[in-house]
């Protein structure tokens, strides 16, 4: 596991889902990390890196309730690779995902209002989550 942090824009509205066997909440996010580069002394948009992010539990529910496509977010989490069998494929593929410890709105270009929800007894990613229960980002 490699700890990582980055900022980027959500590419679509978060959709709350539930594990196939555990029925525990999670959300898959796709975040575009945009880089600025200097060309001939002028700052321009460079290539974007698209990252797959998974958030779990109460955090997943709060993300689905409060974040929308295009919003700038800050993500802190562990980068992990896992194998899966794509639908209709004969060979396994590898996907790299960030298992989010935190997903926060960036205040670089906007403001937010925080609303506290009832505190949960469990952490945002309980150990009973099974990665096989969660399909890769589509």
N, C-alpha and C. Protein backbone atom coordinates (compact mmCIF):
# COMPACT_ATOMS: atom_id res chain seq x y z
N UNK A 1 0.84 -1.18 0.00
CA UNK A 1 0.00 0.00 0.00
C UNK A 1 0.88 1.25 0.00
N UNK A 2 0.52 2.19 -0.84
CA UNK A 2 1.24 3.45 -0.90
C UNK A 2 0.26 4.57 -0.57
N UNK A 3 0.58 5.35 0.46
CA UNK A 3 -0.29 6.46 0.82
C UNK A 3 -0.12 7.56 -0.22
N UNK A 4 -1.24 8.14 -0.63
CA UNK A 4 -1.20 9.19 -1.64
C UNK A 4 -2.19 10.28 -1.30
N UNK A 5 -1.96 11.45 -1.85
CA UNK A 5 -2.92 12.54 -1.72
C UNK A 5 -2.86 13.37 -3.01
N UNK A 6 -4.02 13.88 -3.41
CA UNK A 6 -4.08 14.67 -4.63
C UNK A 6 -5.39 15.45 -4.65
N UNK A 7 -5.45 16.43 -5.55
CA UNK A 7 -6.67 17.21 -5.76
C UNK A 7 -7.08 17.08 -7.21
N UNK A 8 -8.37 17.07 -7.46
CA UNK A 8 -8.87 16.97 -8.83
C UNK A 8 -10.37 17.19 -8.86
N UNK A 9 -10.95 17.04 -10.05
CA UNK A 9 -12.38 17.27 -10.24
C UNK A 9 -13.11 15.95 -10.44
N UNK A 10 -14.28 15.83 -9.80
CA UNK A 10 -15.12 14.65 -10.01
C UNK A 10 -15.61 14.65 -11.45
N UNK A 11 -15.53 13.49 -12.11
CA UNK A 11 -15.93 13.42 -13.52
C UNK A 11 -17.41 13.09 -13.70
N UNK A 12 -18.07 12.63 -12.64
CA UNK A 12 -19.51 12.37 -12.68
C UNK A 12 -20.06 12.42 -11.26
N UNK A 13 -21.37 12.51 -11.16
CA UNK A 13 -22.00 12.52 -9.83
C UNK A 13 -21.71 11.20 -9.13
N UNK A 14 -21.35 11.25 -7.85
CA UNK A 14 -21.15 10.01 -7.09
C UNK A 14 -22.47 9.25 -6.96
N UNK A 15 -22.39 7.93 -7.08
CA UNK A 15 -23.58 7.09 -6.95
C UNK A 15 -23.35 6.08 -5.84
N UNK A 16 -24.17 6.14 -4.83
CA UNK A 16 -24.06 5.22 -3.70
C UNK A 16 -24.45 3.82 -4.13
N UNK A 17 -23.61 2.84 -3.78
CA UNK A 17 -23.89 1.44 -4.11
C UNK A 17 -23.70 0.61 -2.85
N UNK A 18 -24.08 -0.66 -2.95
CA UNK A 18 -23.96 -1.55 -1.81
C UNK A 18 -23.28 -2.84 -2.25
N UNK A 19 -22.42 -3.39 -1.38
CA UNK A 19 -21.69 -4.61 -1.70
C UNK A 19 -22.62 -5.74 -2.10
N UNK A 20 -22.14 -6.58 -3.03
CA UNK A 20 -22.97 -7.69 -3.54
C UNK A 20 -23.40 -8.65 -2.43
N UNK A 21 -22.48 -8.96 -1.54
CA UNK A 21 -22.81 -9.92 -0.49
C UNK A 21 -22.98 -9.28 0.88
N UNK A 22 -22.24 -8.19 1.12
CA UNK A 22 -22.28 -7.58 2.45
C UNK A 22 -23.36 -6.52 2.61
N UNK A 23 -23.81 -5.96 1.50
CA UNK A 23 -24.79 -4.87 1.49
C UNK A 23 -24.29 -3.62 2.21
N UNK A 24 -22.96 -3.48 2.32
CA UNK A 24 -22.38 -2.29 2.97
C UNK A 24 -22.19 -1.18 1.92
N UNK A 25 -22.40 0.08 2.33
CA UNK A 25 -22.34 1.19 1.37
C UNK A 25 -20.90 1.51 0.92
N UNK A 26 -20.80 1.85 -0.37
CA UNK A 26 -19.54 2.35 -0.92
C UNK A 26 -19.88 3.24 -2.10
N UNK A 27 -18.91 4.02 -2.52
CA UNK A 27 -19.08 4.87 -3.70
C UNK A 27 -17.79 4.81 -4.51
N UNK A 28 -17.94 4.61 -5.83
CA UNK A 28 -16.81 4.68 -6.75
C UNK A 28 -16.76 6.09 -7.32
N UNK A 29 -15.59 6.69 -7.30
CA UNK A 29 -15.42 8.02 -7.86
C UNK A 29 -14.35 7.97 -8.94
N UNK A 30 -14.47 8.83 -9.91
CA UNK A 30 -13.40 9.03 -10.89
C UNK A 30 -13.02 10.49 -10.76
N UNK A 31 -11.73 10.72 -10.49
CA UNK A 31 -11.24 12.07 -10.24
C UNK A 31 -10.19 12.42 -11.29
N UNK A 32 -10.38 13.55 -11.96
CA UNK A 32 -9.42 14.04 -12.95
C UNK A 32 -8.46 14.99 -12.26
N UNK A 33 -7.21 14.58 -12.19
CA UNK A 33 -6.17 15.42 -11.59
C UNK A 33 -5.53 16.21 -12.73
N UNK A 34 -5.82 17.50 -12.77
CA UNK A 34 -5.35 18.35 -13.86
C UNK A 34 -4.03 19.02 -13.49
N UNK A 35 -3.11 18.96 -14.40
CA UNK A 35 -1.80 19.56 -14.15
C UNK A 35 -1.65 20.83 -15.00
N UNK A 36 -0.98 21.81 -14.43
CA UNK A 36 -0.64 23.03 -15.15
C UNK A 36 0.83 22.95 -15.54
N UNK A 37 1.13 23.28 -16.77
CA UNK A 37 2.51 23.26 -17.27
C UNK A 37 2.82 24.60 -17.92
N UNK A 38 4.09 24.90 -17.97
CA UNK A 38 4.51 26.16 -18.56
C UNK A 38 5.06 25.91 -19.96
N UNK A 39 4.46 26.59 -20.95
CA UNK A 39 4.92 26.50 -22.33
C UNK A 39 5.24 27.90 -22.82
N UNK A 40 6.47 28.10 -23.22
CA UNK A 40 6.90 29.41 -23.71
C UNK A 40 6.58 30.52 -22.72
N UNK A 41 6.77 30.24 -21.43
CA UNK A 41 6.57 31.23 -20.39
C UNK A 41 5.12 31.46 -20.00
N UNK A 42 4.19 30.68 -20.56
CA UNK A 42 2.77 30.83 -20.27
C UNK A 42 2.24 29.54 -19.63
N UNK A 43 1.46 29.67 -18.56
CA UNK A 43 0.88 28.51 -17.90
C UNK A 43 -0.36 28.05 -18.67
N UNK A 44 -0.40 26.75 -19.01
CA UNK A 44 -1.53 26.17 -19.74
C UNK A 44 -1.91 24.85 -19.08
N UNK A 45 -3.12 24.35 -19.43
CA UNK A 45 -3.54 23.05 -18.92
C UNK A 45 -2.72 21.95 -19.58
N UNK A 46 -2.21 21.05 -18.76
CA UNK A 46 -1.48 19.89 -19.27
C UNK A 46 -2.40 18.69 -19.32
N UNK A 47 -1.81 17.52 -19.45
CA UNK A 47 -2.60 16.29 -19.49
C UNK A 47 -3.23 16.02 -18.12
N UNK A 48 -4.38 15.39 -18.15
CA UNK A 48 -5.07 15.00 -16.91
C UNK A 48 -4.75 13.55 -16.58
N UNK A 49 -4.65 13.25 -15.30
CA UNK A 49 -4.52 11.88 -14.83
C UNK A 49 -5.85 11.52 -14.19
N UNK A 50 -6.45 10.44 -14.65
CA UNK A 50 -7.74 10.02 -14.11
C UNK A 50 -7.50 8.93 -13.08
N UNK A 51 -8.02 9.14 -11.88
CA UNK A 51 -7.81 8.20 -10.78
C UNK A 51 -9.14 7.60 -10.34
N UNK A 52 -9.11 6.30 -10.06
CA UNK A 52 -10.27 5.60 -9.50
C UNK A 52 -10.17 5.64 -7.99
N UNK A 53 -11.24 6.04 -7.34
CA UNK A 53 -11.28 6.19 -5.89
C UNK A 53 -12.48 5.45 -5.34
N UNK A 54 -12.30 4.75 -4.22
CA UNK A 54 -13.41 4.09 -3.54
C UNK A 54 -13.46 4.63 -2.11
N UNK A 55 -14.65 5.02 -1.68
CA UNK A 55 -14.87 5.44 -0.30
C UNK A 55 -15.96 4.54 0.29
N UNK A 56 -15.91 4.33 1.59
CA UNK A 56 -16.75 3.34 2.24
C UNK A 56 -17.59 3.94 3.37
N UNK A 57 -18.61 3.20 3.75
CA UNK A 57 -19.37 3.48 4.97
C UNK A 57 -20.06 4.83 4.98
N UNK A 58 -20.02 5.46 6.16
CA UNK A 58 -20.67 6.77 6.32
C UNK A 58 -20.11 7.81 5.37
N UNK A 59 -18.80 7.75 5.14
CA UNK A 59 -18.20 8.71 4.22
C UNK A 59 -18.79 8.55 2.82
N UNK A 60 -19.00 7.32 2.38
CA UNK A 60 -19.61 7.09 1.06
C UNK A 60 -21.00 7.70 1.00
N UNK A 61 -21.78 7.49 2.04
CA UNK A 61 -23.13 8.06 2.08
C UNK A 61 -23.09 9.58 2.04
N UNK A 62 -22.17 10.18 2.77
CA UNK A 62 -22.06 11.65 2.80
C UNK A 62 -21.57 12.20 1.47
N UNK A 63 -20.64 11.50 0.82
CA UNK A 63 -20.15 11.93 -0.50
C UNK A 63 -21.30 11.91 -1.49
N UNK A 64 -22.06 10.82 -1.53
CA UNK A 64 -23.17 10.70 -2.48
C UNK A 64 -24.22 11.78 -2.25
N UNK A 65 -24.40 12.17 -1.01
CA UNK A 65 -25.40 13.17 -0.64
C UNK A 65 -24.95 14.59 -0.96
N UNK A 66 -23.64 14.85 -0.92
CA UNK A 66 -23.20 16.24 -0.95
C UNK A 66 -22.29 16.65 -2.10
N UNK A 67 -21.74 15.72 -2.87
CA UNK A 67 -20.80 16.09 -3.93
C UNK A 67 -21.39 15.83 -5.30
N UNK A 68 -20.99 16.65 -6.27
CA UNK A 68 -21.52 16.57 -7.63
C UNK A 68 -20.38 16.62 -8.65
N UNK A 69 -20.69 16.19 -9.86
CA UNK A 69 -19.73 16.22 -10.96
C UNK A 69 -19.16 17.63 -11.14
N UNK A 70 -17.87 17.68 -11.40
CA UNK A 70 -17.20 18.95 -11.63
C UNK A 70 -16.62 19.58 -10.39
N UNK A 71 -17.07 19.16 -9.21
CA UNK A 71 -16.54 19.73 -7.98
C UNK A 71 -15.09 19.31 -7.77
N UNK A 72 -14.32 20.23 -7.25
CA UNK A 72 -12.92 19.96 -6.95
C UNK A 72 -12.86 19.33 -5.57
N UNK A 73 -12.12 18.21 -5.46
CA UNK A 73 -12.00 17.48 -4.21
C UNK A 73 -10.53 17.21 -3.89
N UNK A 74 -10.29 16.96 -2.63
CA UNK A 74 -8.97 16.53 -2.15
C UNK A 74 -9.15 15.11 -1.63
N UNK A 75 -8.28 14.21 -2.07
CA UNK A 75 -8.37 12.80 -1.69
C UNK A 75 -7.09 12.39 -0.98
N UNK A 76 -7.26 11.70 0.14
CA UNK A 76 -6.13 11.10 0.87
C UNK A 76 -6.49 9.64 1.07
N UNK A 77 -5.56 8.75 0.71
CA UNK A 77 -5.86 7.34 0.87
C UNK A 77 -4.70 6.45 0.47
N UNK A 78 -4.97 5.17 0.39
CA UNK A 78 -3.96 4.18 0.03
C UNK A 78 -4.19 3.73 -1.40
N UNK A 79 -3.13 3.76 -2.19
CA UNK A 79 -3.20 3.31 -3.57
C UNK A 79 -2.94 1.81 -3.60
N UNK A 80 -3.86 1.07 -4.23
CA UNK A 80 -3.75 -0.39 -4.28
C UNK A 80 -4.05 -0.88 -5.69
N UNK A 81 -3.39 -1.96 -6.06
CA UNK A 81 -3.67 -2.64 -7.32
C UNK A 81 -4.40 -3.94 -7.01
N UNK A 82 -5.37 -4.29 -7.85
CA UNK A 82 -6.05 -5.57 -7.67
C UNK A 82 -6.41 -6.13 -9.04
N UNK A 83 -6.51 -7.44 -9.08
CA UNK A 83 -6.88 -8.14 -10.31
C UNK A 83 -8.38 -8.42 -10.29
N UNK A 84 -8.97 -8.41 -11.48
CA UNK A 84 -10.38 -8.76 -11.62
C UNK A 84 -10.58 -9.31 -13.02
N UNK A 85 -11.68 -9.99 -13.23
CA UNK A 85 -12.01 -10.55 -14.53
C UNK A 85 -13.08 -9.69 -15.17
N UNK A 86 -12.73 -8.90 -16.20
CA UNK A 86 -13.73 -8.07 -16.86
C UNK A 86 -14.82 -8.94 -17.49
N UNK A 87 -16.02 -8.40 -17.53
CA UNK A 87 -17.15 -9.13 -18.10
C UNK A 87 -16.85 -9.53 -19.54
N UNK A 88 -16.99 -10.81 -19.85
CA UNK A 88 -16.76 -11.32 -21.19
C UNK A 88 -15.30 -11.58 -21.54
N UNK A 89 -14.39 -11.28 -20.62
CA UNK A 89 -12.96 -11.49 -20.89
C UNK A 89 -12.52 -12.87 -20.43
N UNK A 90 -11.40 -13.34 -21.03
CA UNK A 90 -10.84 -14.63 -20.64
C UNK A 90 -9.64 -14.46 -19.71
N UNK A 91 -9.05 -13.29 -19.72
CA UNK A 91 -7.88 -13.03 -18.88
C UNK A 91 -8.18 -11.94 -17.87
N UNK A 92 -7.51 -12.05 -16.72
CA UNK A 92 -7.69 -11.04 -15.68
C UNK A 92 -7.02 -9.73 -16.09
N UNK A 93 -7.54 -8.65 -15.56
CA UNK A 93 -6.96 -7.32 -15.74
C UNK A 93 -6.58 -6.79 -14.37
N UNK A 94 -5.72 -5.80 -14.36
CA UNK A 94 -5.31 -5.16 -13.11
C UNK A 94 -5.81 -3.73 -13.12
N UNK A 95 -6.35 -3.31 -11.99
CA UNK A 95 -6.82 -1.94 -11.84
C UNK A 95 -6.14 -1.34 -10.61
N UNK A 96 -5.78 -0.07 -10.71
CA UNK A 96 -5.20 0.65 -9.57
C UNK A 96 -6.28 1.58 -9.03
N UNK A 97 -6.51 1.50 -7.73
CA UNK A 97 -7.55 2.30 -7.07
C UNK A 97 -6.97 2.97 -5.83
N UNK A 98 -7.56 4.07 -5.46
CA UNK A 98 -7.24 4.72 -4.20
C UNK A 98 -8.37 4.41 -3.23
N UNK A 99 -8.06 3.73 -2.15
CA UNK A 99 -9.05 3.46 -1.10
C UNK A 99 -8.98 4.66 -0.16
N UNK A 100 -10.02 5.48 -0.23
CA UNK A 100 -10.00 6.79 0.41
C UNK A 100 -10.16 6.71 1.92
N UNK A 101 -9.25 7.38 2.60
CA UNK A 101 -9.41 7.62 4.03
C UNK A 101 -10.22 8.91 4.20
N UNK A 102 -9.95 9.89 3.32
CA UNK A 102 -10.67 11.17 3.34
C UNK A 102 -10.95 11.62 1.91
N UNK A 103 -12.15 12.14 1.67
CA UNK A 103 -12.51 12.85 0.45
C UNK A 103 -13.15 14.14 0.93
N UNK A 104 -12.54 15.27 0.58
CA UNK A 104 -12.98 16.56 1.09
C UNK A 104 -13.19 17.54 -0.06
N UNK A 105 -14.13 18.46 0.09
CA UNK A 105 -14.26 19.50 -0.94
C UNK A 105 -13.06 20.44 -0.87
N UNK A 106 -12.56 20.84 -2.03
CA UNK A 106 -11.49 21.82 -2.08
C UNK A 106 -12.11 23.21 -2.00
N UNK A 107 -11.50 24.08 -1.24
CA UNK A 107 -12.00 25.45 -1.11
C UNK A 107 -11.20 26.42 -1.96
N UNK A 108 -10.45 25.88 -2.91
CA UNK A 108 -9.63 26.70 -3.79
C UNK A 108 -10.48 27.62 -4.67
N UNK A 109 -11.60 27.10 -5.17
CA UNK A 109 -12.43 27.87 -6.09
C UNK A 109 -13.88 28.01 -5.63
N UNK A 110 -14.15 27.74 -4.36
CA UNK A 110 -15.52 27.83 -3.89
C UNK A 110 -15.62 27.75 -2.39
N UNK A 111 -16.83 27.79 -1.90
CA UNK A 111 -17.08 27.72 -0.47
C UNK A 111 -17.98 26.53 -0.18
N UNK A 112 -18.10 26.18 1.08
CA UNK A 112 -18.97 25.08 1.47
C UNK A 112 -19.54 25.36 2.85
N UNK A 113 -20.60 24.66 3.17
CA UNK A 113 -21.19 24.73 4.49
C UNK A 113 -21.18 23.32 5.04
N UNK A 114 -20.62 23.13 6.21
CA UNK A 114 -20.50 21.80 6.81
C UNK A 114 -21.72 21.52 7.67
N UNK A 115 -22.31 20.34 7.48
CA UNK A 115 -23.42 19.89 8.30
C UNK A 115 -23.02 18.58 8.94
N UNK A 116 -22.97 18.54 10.24
CA UNK A 116 -22.56 17.34 10.96
C UNK A 116 -23.68 16.30 10.92
N UNK A 117 -23.28 15.04 10.74
CA UNK A 117 -24.23 13.93 10.79
C UNK A 117 -23.97 13.17 12.09
N UNK A 118 -24.90 12.35 12.53
CA UNK A 118 -24.67 11.58 13.76
C UNK A 118 -23.40 10.73 13.63
N UNK A 119 -22.63 10.72 14.68
CA UNK A 119 -21.35 10.01 14.67
C UNK A 119 -21.58 8.51 14.62
N UNK A 120 -20.83 7.84 13.75
CA UNK A 120 -20.94 6.39 13.62
C UNK A 120 -19.95 5.72 14.58
N UNK A 121 -20.29 4.53 14.98
CA UNK A 121 -19.42 3.79 15.89
C UNK A 121 -18.21 3.23 15.17
N UNK A 122 -18.33 2.98 13.86
CA UNK A 122 -17.24 2.35 13.11
C UNK A 122 -16.44 3.40 12.34
N UNK A 123 -15.22 3.03 11.96
CA UNK A 123 -14.37 3.89 11.14
C UNK A 123 -14.94 3.93 9.72
N UNK A 124 -14.37 4.82 8.87
CA UNK A 124 -14.90 4.97 7.53
C UNK A 124 -14.66 3.73 6.67
N UNK A 125 -13.68 2.93 6.97
CA UNK A 125 -13.44 1.70 6.21
C UNK A 125 -13.25 0.55 7.17
N UNK A 126 -14.34 -0.08 7.60
CA UNK A 126 -14.23 -1.19 8.53
C UNK A 126 -13.46 -2.35 7.92
N UNK A 127 -12.75 -3.12 8.72
CA UNK A 127 -11.95 -4.21 8.20
C UNK A 127 -12.76 -5.33 7.56
N UNK A 128 -14.08 -5.40 7.81
CA UNK A 128 -14.87 -6.49 7.25
C UNK A 128 -15.22 -6.28 5.78
N UNK A 129 -14.77 -5.18 5.15
CA UNK A 129 -15.02 -4.99 3.72
C UNK A 129 -14.14 -5.95 2.94
N UNK A 130 -14.73 -6.59 1.97
CA UNK A 130 -14.03 -7.52 1.11
C UNK A 130 -13.94 -6.89 -0.27
N UNK A 131 -12.73 -6.69 -0.79
CA UNK A 131 -12.56 -6.04 -2.09
C UNK A 131 -13.30 -6.78 -3.20
N UNK A 132 -13.46 -8.09 -3.08
CA UNK A 132 -14.16 -8.86 -4.10
C UNK A 132 -15.65 -8.49 -4.12
N UNK A 133 -16.12 -7.84 -3.09
CA UNK A 133 -17.52 -7.43 -2.97
C UNK A 133 -17.82 -6.18 -3.80
N UNK A 134 -16.76 -5.50 -4.24
CA UNK A 134 -16.91 -4.20 -4.89
C UNK A 134 -16.35 -4.27 -6.30
N UNK A 135 -17.19 -4.07 -7.33
CA UNK A 135 -16.70 -4.12 -8.70
C UNK A 135 -15.83 -2.89 -9.01
N UNK A 136 -14.94 -2.98 -10.01
CA UNK A 136 -14.10 -1.85 -10.39
C UNK A 136 -14.92 -0.67 -10.89
N UNK A 137 -14.32 0.51 -10.90
CA UNK A 137 -14.96 1.72 -11.40
C UNK A 137 -15.31 1.51 -12.86
N UNK A 138 -16.50 1.90 -13.24
CA UNK A 138 -16.96 1.73 -14.63
C UNK A 138 -16.60 2.93 -15.46
